[in-house]
């Protein structure tokens, strides 16, 4: 699977770490760690943000944040 990125201006949230498919029986051990960029308030809201697999049209899963990090 190829990745594509689009970044306009300074990012307020950084994808800090991804563990997407560890070896062995690993159900539920995948994760994505987000971090606020330097200077962004730690209580900033992620409301309205969505992280999903695939190309946006064939999502296997989708996560929508509704509060703070």
PDB file of N, CA and C in Angstrom:
ATOM      1  N   UNK A   1       0.840  -1.167   0.000  1.00  0.00           N
ATOM      2  CA  UNK A   1       0.000   0.000   0.000  1.00  0.00           C
ATOM      3  C   UNK A   1       0.886   1.231   0.000  1.00  0.00           C
ATOM      4  N   UNK A   2       0.602   2.178  -0.858  1.00  0.00           N
ATOM      5  CA  UNK A   2       1.371   3.408  -0.903  1.00  0.00           C
ATOM      6  C   UNK A   2       0.800   4.454   0.030  1.00  0.00           C
ATOM      7  N   UNK A   3       1.629   5.360   0.460  1.00  0.00           N
ATOM      8  CA  UNK A   3       1.202   6.430   1.344  1.00  0.00           C
ATOM      9  C   UNK A   3       1.278   7.737   0.590  1.00  0.00           C
ATOM     10  N   UNK A   4       0.393   8.641   0.858  1.00  0.00           N
ATOM     11  CA  UNK A   4       0.483   9.983   0.303  1.00  0.00           C
ATOM     12  C   UNK A   4       0.235  10.977   1.427  1.00  0.00           C
ATOM     13  N   UNK A   5       0.934  12.076   1.383  1.00  0.00           N
ATOM     14  CA  UNK A   5       0.836  13.084   2.424  1.00  0.00           C
ATOM     15  C   UNK A   5       0.567  14.435   1.786  1.00  0.00           C
ATOM     16  N   UNK A   6      -0.242  15.224   2.426  1.00  0.00           N
ATOM     17  CA  UNK A   6      -0.477  16.600   2.023  1.00  0.00           C
ATOM     18  C   UNK A   6      -0.353  17.446   3.273  1.00  0.00           C
ATOM     19  N   UNK A   7       0.552  18.401   3.243  1.00  0.00           N
ATOM     20  CA  UNK A   7       0.743  19.257   4.413  1.00  0.00           C
ATOM     21  C   UNK A   7       0.755  20.698   3.955  1.00  0.00           C
ATOM     22  N   UNK A   8      -0.162  21.471   4.481  1.00  0.00           N
ATOM     23  CA  UNK A   8      -0.246  22.881   4.140  1.00  0.00           C
ATOM     24  C   UNK A   8      -0.020  23.666   5.424  1.00  0.00           C
ATOM     25  N   UNK A   9       1.027  24.459   5.464  1.00  0.00           N
ATOM     26  CA  UNK A   9       1.327  25.219   6.665  1.00  0.00           C
ATOM     27  C   UNK A   9       1.891  24.331   7.761  1.00  0.00           C
ATOM     28  N   UNK A  10       1.912  24.868   8.955  1.00  0.00           N
ATOM     29  CA  UNK A  10       2.449  24.133  10.100  1.00  0.00           C
ATOM     30  C   UNK A  10       1.407  23.152  10.629  1.00  0.00           C
ATOM     31  N   UNK A  11       1.856  21.983  11.007  1.00  0.00           N
ATOM     32  CA  UNK A  11       0.951  20.967  11.550  1.00  0.00           C
ATOM     33  C   UNK A  11       0.761  21.194  13.043  1.00  0.00           C
ATOM     34  N   UNK A  12      -0.475  21.056  13.517  1.00  0.00           N
ATOM     35  CA  UNK A  12      -0.721  21.182  14.950  1.00  0.00           C
ATOM     36  C   UNK A  12      -0.688  19.821  15.634  1.00  0.00           C
ATOM     37  N   UNK A  13      -0.889  18.749  14.853  1.00  0.00           N
ATOM     38  CA  UNK A  13      -0.836  17.387  15.370  1.00  0.00           C
ATOM     39  C   UNK A  13       0.149  16.597  14.526  1.00  0.00           C
ATOM     40  N   UNK A  14       0.968  15.797  15.186  1.00  0.00           N
ATOM     41  CA  UNK A  14       1.986  14.997  14.518  1.00  0.00           C
ATOM     42  C   UNK A  14       1.680  13.520  14.733  1.00  0.00           C
ATOM     43  N   UNK A  15       1.759  12.712  13.662  1.00  0.00           N
ATOM     44  CA  UNK A  15       1.689  11.258  13.822  1.00  0.00           C
ATOM     45  C   UNK A  15       3.057  10.850  14.334  1.00  0.00           C
ATOM     46  N   UNK A  16       3.126  10.514  15.612  1.00  0.00           N
ATOM     47  CA  UNK A  16       4.394  10.291  16.287  1.00  0.00           C
ATOM     48  C   UNK A  16       4.896   8.858  16.163  1.00  0.00           C
ATOM     49  N   UNK A  17       3.985   7.889  16.222  1.00  0.00           N
ATOM     50  CA  UNK A  17       4.392   6.483  16.184  1.00  0.00           C
ATOM     51  C   UNK A  17       3.237   5.639  15.657  1.00  0.00           C
ATOM     52  N   UNK A  18       3.570   4.612  14.864  1.00  0.00           N
ATOM     53  CA  UNK A  18       2.569   3.693  14.321  1.00  0.00           C
ATOM     54  C   UNK A  18       3.072   2.266  14.492  1.00  0.00           C
ATOM     55  N   UNK A  19       2.260   1.398  15.051  1.00  0.00           N
ATOM     56  CA  UNK A  19       2.531  -0.038  15.097  1.00  0.00           C
ATOM     57  C   UNK A  19       1.350  -0.683  14.395  1.00  0.00           C
ATOM     58  N   UNK A  20       1.570  -1.161  13.170  1.00  0.00           N
ATOM     59  CA  UNK A  20       0.436  -1.565  12.344  1.00  0.00           C
ATOM     60  C   UNK A  20       0.253  -3.059  12.190  1.00  0.00           C
ATOM     61  N   UNK A  21       1.248  -3.881  12.420  1.00  0.00           N
ATOM     62  CA  UNK A  21       1.053  -5.325  12.257  1.00  0.00           C
ATOM     63  C   UNK A  21       2.208  -6.099  12.876  1.00  0.00           C
ATOM     64  N   UNK A  22       2.279  -6.158  14.222  1.00  0.00           N
ATOM     65  CA  UNK A  22       3.368  -6.907  14.837  1.00  0.00           C
ATOM     66  C   UNK A  22       3.245  -8.403  14.552  1.00  0.00           C
ATOM     67  N   UNK A  23       4.376  -9.098  14.582  1.00  0.00           N
ATOM     68  CA  UNK A  23       4.387 -10.548  14.341  1.00  0.00           C
ATOM     69  C   UNK A  23       3.594 -11.285  15.413  1.00  0.00           C
ATOM     70  N   UNK A  24       3.075 -12.443  15.041  1.00  0.00           N
ATOM     71  CA  UNK A  24       2.401 -13.318  16.001  1.00  0.00           C
ATOM     72  C   UNK A  24       0.932 -12.994  16.177  1.00  0.00           C
ATOM     73  N   UNK A  25       0.376 -13.566  17.228  1.00  0.00           N
ATOM     74  CA  UNK A  25      -1.026 -13.350  17.569  1.00  0.00           C
ATOM     75  C   UNK A  25      -1.128 -12.006  18.274  1.00  0.00           C
ATOM     76  N   UNK A  26      -1.594 -11.011  17.563  1.00  0.00           N
ATOM     77  CA  UNK A  26      -1.502  -9.641  18.065  1.00  0.00           C
ATOM     78  C   UNK A  26      -2.822  -8.876  18.046  1.00  0.00           C
ATOM     79  N   UNK A  27      -3.924  -9.563  18.114  1.00  0.00           N
ATOM     80  CA  UNK A  27      -5.206  -8.881  18.038  1.00  0.00           C
ATOM     81  C   UNK A  27      -5.291  -7.757  19.062  1.00  0.00           C
ATOM     82  N   UNK A  28      -5.593  -6.572  18.588  1.00  0.00           N
ATOM     83  CA  UNK A  28      -5.773  -5.431  19.476  1.00  0.00           C
ATOM     84  C   UNK A  28      -4.504  -4.725  19.896  1.00  0.00           C
ATOM     85  N   UNK A  29      -3.366  -5.062  19.319  1.00  0.00           N
ATOM     86  CA  UNK A  29      -2.108  -4.429  19.728  1.00  0.00           C
ATOM     87  C   UNK A  29      -1.643  -3.338  18.763  1.00  0.00           C
ATOM     88  N   UNK A  30      -2.348  -3.137  17.678  1.00  0.00           N
ATOM     89  CA  UNK A  30      -1.996  -2.080  16.748  1.00  0.00           C
ATOM     90  C   UNK A  30      -2.355  -0.727  17.367  1.00  0.00           C
ATOM     91  N   UNK A  31      -1.561   0.293  17.042  1.00  0.00           N
ATOM     92  CA  UNK A  31      -1.889   1.616  17.564  1.00  0.00           C
ATOM     93  C   UNK A  31      -1.283   2.713  16.708  1.00  0.00           C
ATOM     94  N   UNK A  32      -1.831   3.898  16.871  1.00  0.00           N
ATOM     95  CA  UNK A  32      -1.298   5.126  16.287  1.00  0.00           C
ATOM     96  C   UNK A  32      -1.189   6.118  17.438  1.00  0.00           C
ATOM     97  N   UNK A  33      -0.010   6.729  17.579  1.00  0.00           N
ATOM     98  CA  UNK A  33       0.193   7.723  18.631  1.00  0.00           C
ATOM     99  C   UNK A  33       0.244   9.103  17.999  1.00  0.00           C
ATOM    100  N   UNK A  34      -0.630   9.973  18.459  1.00  0.00           N
ATOM    101  CA  UNK A  34      -0.639  11.359  17.999  1.00  0.00           C
ATOM    102  C   UNK A  34      -0.040  12.237  19.083  1.00  0.00           C
ATOM    103  N   UNK A  35       0.646  13.292  18.673  1.00  0.00           N
ATOM    104  CA  UNK A  35       1.211  14.246  19.627  1.00  0.00           C
ATOM    105  C   UNK A  35       0.944  15.651  19.108  1.00  0.00           C
ATOM    106  N   UNK A  36       0.656  16.557  20.019  1.00  0.00           N
ATOM    107  CA  UNK A  36       0.505  17.945  19.616  1.00  0.00           C
ATOM    108  C   UNK A  36       1.884  18.538  19.364  1.00  0.00           C
ATOM    109  N   UNK A  37       1.999  19.347  18.340  1.00  0.00           N
ATOM    110  CA  UNK A  37       3.262  19.993  17.999  1.00  0.00           C
ATOM    111  C   UNK A  37       3.640  20.990  19.093  1.00  0.00           C
ATOM    112  N   UNK A  38       4.905  21.323  19.140  1.00  0.00           N
ATOM    113  CA  UNK A  38       5.407  22.282  20.116  1.00  0.00           C
ATOM    114  C   UNK A  38       4.624  23.589  20.010  1.00  0.00           C
ATOM    115  N   UNK A  39       4.202  24.103  21.138  1.00  0.00           N
ATOM    116  CA  UNK A  39       3.476  25.365  21.154  1.00  0.00           C
ATOM    117  C   UNK A  39       1.968  25.224  21.067  1.00  0.00           C
ATOM    118  N   UNK A  40       1.470  24.012  20.832  1.00  0.00           N
ATOM    119  CA  UNK A  40       0.026  23.781  20.765  1.00  0.00           C
ATOM    120  C   UNK A  40      -0.446  23.351  22.149  1.00  0.00           C
ATOM    121  N   UNK A  41      -1.512  23.954  22.636  1.00  0.00           N
ATOM    122  CA  UNK A  41      -2.023  23.641  23.973  1.00  0.00           C
ATOM    123  C   UNK A  41      -2.358  22.166  24.095  1.00  0.00           C
ATOM    124  N   UNK A  42      -1.951  21.560  25.209  1.00  0.00           N
ATOM    125  CA  UNK A  42      -2.157  20.124  25.423  1.00  0.00           C
ATOM    126  C   UNK A  42      -3.630  19.756  25.524  1.00  0.00           C
ATOM    127  N   UNK A  43      -4.490  20.726  25.811  1.00  0.00           N
ATOM    128  CA  UNK A  43      -5.920  20.427  25.899  1.00  0.00           C
ATOM    129  C   UNK A  43      -6.664  20.783  24.614  1.00  0.00           C
ATOM    130  N   UNK A  44      -5.933  20.964  23.526  1.00  0.00           N
ATOM    131  CA  UNK A  44      -6.563  21.247  22.236  1.00  0.00           C
ATOM    132  C   UNK A  44      -7.482  20.100  21.843  1.00  0.00           C
ATOM    133  N   UNK A  45      -8.518  20.414  21.115  1.00  0.00           N
ATOM    134  CA  UNK A  45      -9.520  19.413  20.755  1.00  0.00           C
ATOM    135  C   UNK A  45      -9.176  18.714  19.444  1.00  0.00           C
ATOM    136  N   UNK A  46      -9.473  17.430  19.391  1.00  0.00           N
ATOM    137  CA  UNK A  46      -9.367  16.655  18.154  1.00  0.00           C
ATOM    138  C   UNK A  46     -10.757  16.402  17.570  1.00  0.00           C
ATOM    139  N   UNK A  47     -11.752  17.093  18.090  1.00  0.00           N
ATOM    140  CA  UNK A  47     -13.119  16.921  17.609  1.00  0.00           C
ATOM    141  C   UNK A  47     -13.177  17.170  16.105  1.00  0.00           C
ATOM    142  N   UNK A  48     -13.821  16.277  15.405  1.00  0.00           N
ATOM    143  CA  UNK A  48     -13.958  16.397  13.966  1.00  0.00           C
ATOM    144  C   UNK A  48     -12.866  15.697  13.175  1.00  0.00           C
ATOM    145  N   UNK A  49     -11.797  15.281  13.833  1.00  0.00           N
ATOM    146  CA  UNK A  49     -10.719  14.564  13.159  1.00  0.00           C
ATOM    147  C   UNK A  49     -11.121  13.116  12.945  1.00  0.00           C
ATOM    148  N   UNK A  50     -10.707  12.536  11.819  1.00  0.00           N
ATOM    149  CA  UNK A  50     -10.993  11.129  11.519  1.00  0.00           C
ATOM    150  C   UNK A  50      -9.716  10.480  11.010  1.00  0.00           C
ATOM    151  N   UNK A  51      -9.430   9.285  11.504  1.00  0.00           N
ATOM    152  CA  UNK A  51      -8.310   8.477  11.027  1.00  0.00           C
ATOM    153  C   UNK A  51      -8.903   7.191  10.487  1.00  0.00           C
ATOM    154  N   UNK A  52      -8.584   6.861   9.236  1.00  0.00           N
ATOM    155  CA  UNK A  52      -9.169   5.654   8.659  1.00  0.00           C
ATOM    156  C   UNK A  52      -8.172   4.940   7.763  1.00  0.00           C
ATOM    157  N   UNK A  53      -8.452   3.683   7.505  1.00  0.00           N
ATOM    158  CA  UNK A  53      -7.600   2.883   6.633  1.00  0.00           C
ATOM    159  C   UNK A  53      -8.024   3.059   5.191  1.00  0.00           C
ATOM    160  N   UNK A  54      -7.209   2.538   4.308  1.00  0.00           N
ATOM    161  CA  UNK A  54      -7.558   2.522   2.891  1.00  0.00           C
ATOM    162  C   UNK A  54      -7.414   3.884   2.248  1.00  0.00           C
ATOM    163  N   UNK A  55      -8.175   4.065   1.179  1.00  0.00           N
ATOM    164  CA  UNK A  55      -8.079   5.302   0.415  1.00  0.00           C
ATOM    165  C   UNK A  55      -9.237   6.249   0.712  1.00  0.00           C
ATOM    166  N   UNK A  56      -9.982   5.980   1.746  1.00  0.00           N
ATOM    167  CA  UNK A  56     -11.102   6.830   2.117  1.00  0.00           C
ATOM    168  C   UNK A  56     -12.434   6.342   1.598  1.00  0.00           C
ATOM    169  N   UNK A  57     -12.414   5.448   0.608  1.00  0.00           N
ATOM    170  CA  UNK A  57     -13.678   4.944   0.071  1.00  0.00           C
ATOM    171  C   UNK A  57     -13.933   3.493   0.453  1.00  0.00           C
ATOM    172  N   UNK A  58     -12.892   2.759   0.799  1.00  0.00           N
ATOM    173  CA  UNK A  58     -13.034   1.355   1.199  1.00  0.00           C
ATOM    174  C   UNK A  58     -12.450   1.148   2.587  1.00  0.00           C
ATOM    175  N   UNK A  59     -12.953   1.861   3.557  1.00  0.00           N
ATOM    176  CA  UNK A  59     -12.397   1.798   4.903  1.00  0.00           C
ATOM    177  C   UNK A  59     -12.701   0.475   5.584  1.00  0.00           C
ATOM    178  N   UNK A  60     -11.681  -0.087   6.212  1.00  0.00           N
ATOM    179  CA  UNK A  60     -11.855  -1.272   7.038  1.00  0.00           C
ATOM    180  C   UNK A  60     -12.290  -0.829   8.430  1.00  0.00           C
ATOM    181  N   UNK A  61     -11.727   0.256   8.909  1.00  0.00           N
ATOM    182  CA  UNK A  61     -12.107   0.821  10.195  1.00  0.00           C
ATOM    183  C   UNK A  61     -11.932   2.325  10.146  1.00  0.00           C
ATOM    184  N   UNK A  62     -12.583   2.999  11.040  1.00  0.00           N
ATOM    185  CA  UNK A  62     -12.494   4.447  11.128  1.00  0.00           C
ATOM    186  C   UNK A  62     -12.592   4.847  12.592  1.00  0.00           C
ATOM    187  N   UNK A  63     -11.788   5.821  12.995  1.00  0.00           N
ATOM    188  CA  UNK A  63     -11.813   6.327  14.364  1.00  0.00           C
ATOM    189  C   UNK A  63     -12.091   7.818  14.298  1.00  0.00           C
ATOM    190  N   UNK A  64     -13.077   8.267  15.022  1.00  0.00           N
ATOM    191  CA  UNK A  64     -13.378   9.696  15.089  1.00  0.00           C
ATOM    192  C   UNK A  64     -13.184  10.162  16.527  1.00  0.00           C
ATOM    193  N   UNK A  65     -12.354  11.180  16.724  1.00  0.00           N
ATOM    194  CA  UNK A  65     -12.127  11.722  18.061  1.00  0.00           C
ATOM    195  C   UNK A  65     -13.210  12.729  18.377  1.00  0.00           C
ATOM    196  N   UNK A  66     -13.604  12.767  19.629  1.00  0.00           N
ATOM    197  CA  UNK A  66     -14.642  13.698  20.037  1.00  0.00           C
ATOM    198  C   UNK A  66     -14.202  14.604  21.176  1.00  0.00           C
ATOM    199  N   UNK A  67     -13.021  14.386  21.719  1.00  0.00           N
ATOM    200  CA  UNK A  67     -12.558  15.194  22.847  1.00  0.00           C
ATOM    201  C   UNK A  67     -11.120  15.608  22.680  1.00  0.00           C
ATOM    202  N   UNK A  68     -10.425  15.717  23.798  1.00  0.00           N
ATOM    203  CA  UNK A  68      -9.024  16.107  23.783  1.00  0.00           C
ATOM    204  C   UNK A  68      -8.136  14.878  23.748  1.00  0.00           C
ATOM    205  N   UNK A  69      -6.872  15.096  23.431  1.00  0.00           N
ATOM    206  CA  UNK A  69      -5.918  13.981  23.351  1.00  0.00           C
ATOM    207  C   UNK A  69      -5.571  13.488  24.726  1.00  0.00           C
TER     208      UNK A  69
END
